[in-house]
Protein backbone atom coordinates (compact mmCIF):
# COMPACT_ATOMS: atom_id res chain seq x y z
CA MET A 1 -4.00 1.87 -18.43
CA SER A 2 -6.00 3.73 -15.85
CA TYR A 3 -5.82 2.36 -12.30
CA ARG A 4 -7.76 3.92 -9.42
CA SER A 5 -8.62 2.18 -6.19
CA PHE A 6 -9.34 2.57 -2.52
CA GLU A 7 -6.99 0.70 -0.20
CA PHE A 8 -7.87 -0.25 3.36
CA PRO A 9 -4.86 -1.48 5.34
CA ILE A 10 -5.58 -3.33 8.59
CA GLY A 11 -2.68 -4.40 10.73
CA VAL A 12 -0.53 -4.09 13.80
CA ARG A 13 2.30 -1.79 14.87
CA HIS A 14 4.88 -2.36 17.59
CA TYR A 15 6.87 0.49 19.15
CA PHE A 16 10.39 0.35 20.57
CA PHE A 17 10.87 3.31 22.89
CA LEU A 18 14.32 4.91 22.76
CA SER A 19 13.46 7.88 24.99
CA GLU A 20 10.40 9.85 26.03
CA THR A 21 10.17 11.61 22.65
CA ARG A 22 11.94 9.18 20.31
CA LYS A 23 10.76 5.74 19.23
CA ILE A 24 11.03 3.36 16.29
CA PHE A 25 8.28 1.07 15.06
CA LEU A 26 7.62 -1.93 12.85
CA ASN A 27 4.26 -2.79 11.34
CA GLY A 28 2.50 -5.31 9.15
CA PHE A 29 -0.79 -5.00 7.28
CA VAL A 30 -3.29 -6.91 5.21
CA VAL A 31 -4.35 -4.51 2.45
CA PHE A 32 -7.83 -4.74 0.93
CA ASP A 33 -8.00 -3.11 -2.49
CA TYR A 34 -11.25 -1.96 -4.15
CA PRO A 35 -10.79 -0.75 -7.76
CA VAL A 36 -12.84 2.21 -8.94
CA ALA A 37 -13.26 2.90 -12.69
CA THR A 38 -10.14 0.96 -13.58
CA GLU A 39 -9.60 -0.41 -17.06
CA ILE A 40 -6.91 -1.44 -19.49
CA ARG A 41 -7.51 -0.58 -23.17
CA PHE A 42 -5.59 -2.17 -26.03
CA ASN A 43 -5.23 -0.79 -29.57
CA SER A 44 -7.19 -3.81 -30.82
CA GLY A 45 -10.24 -2.58 -28.90
CA LEU A 46 -9.99 -5.16 -26.12
CA VAL A 47 -10.88 -3.69 -22.70
CA LEU A 48 -10.04 -5.47 -19.45
CA GLU A 49 -11.59 -4.58 -16.13
CA SER A 50 -9.49 -4.86 -12.99
CA SER A 51 -10.30 -7.30 -10.25
CA GLN A 52 -10.53 -6.86 -6.51
CA ASN A 53 -7.34 -8.15 -4.91
CA GLY A 54 -5.49 -7.79 -1.70
CA SER A 55 -1.88 -7.81 -0.64
CA PHE A 56 0.32 -7.46 2.38
CA ALA A 57 2.46 -4.57 3.51
CA LEU A 58 5.47 -4.35 5.81
CA GLY A 59 6.94 -1.17 7.15
CA GLY A 60 9.04 0.54 9.72
CA GLY A 61 9.86 4.02 10.83
CA MET A 62 10.81 6.52 13.49
CA SER A 63 8.97 9.08 15.59
CA PHE A 64 10.51 12.24 17.02
CA GLY A 65 7.95 14.00 19.19
CA LYS A 66 5.11 15.00 16.85
CA ILE A 67 6.90 14.09 13.59
CA ASN A 68 7.19 10.60 12.15
CA ALA A 69 8.52 8.99 8.99
CA GLU A 70 7.85 5.51 7.63
CA LEU A 71 9.00 3.33 4.74
CA ARG A 72 6.35 0.79 3.67
CA TYR A 73 6.62 -2.01 1.08
CA TYR A 74 3.50 -3.54 -0.48
CA THR A 75 3.80 -7.08 -1.84
CA PRO A 76 2.85 -7.70 -5.51
CA ARG A 77 -0.80 -8.18 -6.44
CA LYS A 78 -2.56 -8.94 -9.70
CA ILE A 79 -4.53 -6.08 -11.20
CA VAL A 80 -6.14 -8.28 -13.85
CA ASN A 81 -6.83 -11.98 -13.31
CA TRP A 82 -5.95 -13.06 -16.83
CA SER A 83 -2.97 -15.35 -17.31
CA ALA A 84 -2.14 -14.01 -20.81
CA PHE A 85 -1.57 -10.53 -19.39
CA PRO A 86 0.96 -10.30 -16.53
CA SER A 87 -0.20 -7.50 -14.29
CA ASP A 88 1.77 -7.54 -11.04
CA TYR A 89 1.51 -4.26 -9.15
CA HIS A 90 3.68 -3.45 -6.15
CA LYS A 91 4.87 -0.28 -4.54
CA LEU A 92 7.14 1.29 -1.99
CA SER A 93 5.82 4.27 -0.02
CA VAL A 94 7.49 6.97 2.03
CA ILE A 95 5.02 8.31 4.59
CA LEU A 96 5.62 11.51 6.55
CA GLY A 97 3.32 12.50 9.40
CA PHE A 98 2.73 15.25 11.94
CA LYS A 99 0.53 14.91 15.06
CA ILE A 100 -1.70 17.90 15.70
CA LEU A 101 -2.72 17.01 19.28
């Protein structure tokens, strides 16, 4: 299986300020997924193309000055819309960031 896609998350984030430099946040997203050159090949020669699907994501994290860390969970989504082939895809991401300005 080869799975490549572009994801576009659109959502909201709410900050809880602990001090001037420290804060925690929670966020939620709708994730639009656009597969690119994705296919599943079987030994029998059958090839399935992936379908465009979306999902939701929930996350939370902390910011310390210019550094932040987030844990984000993406709900399951179908890669192939074919009932004979279960293809749930979900993930958990750890995101680390640094603000330049």
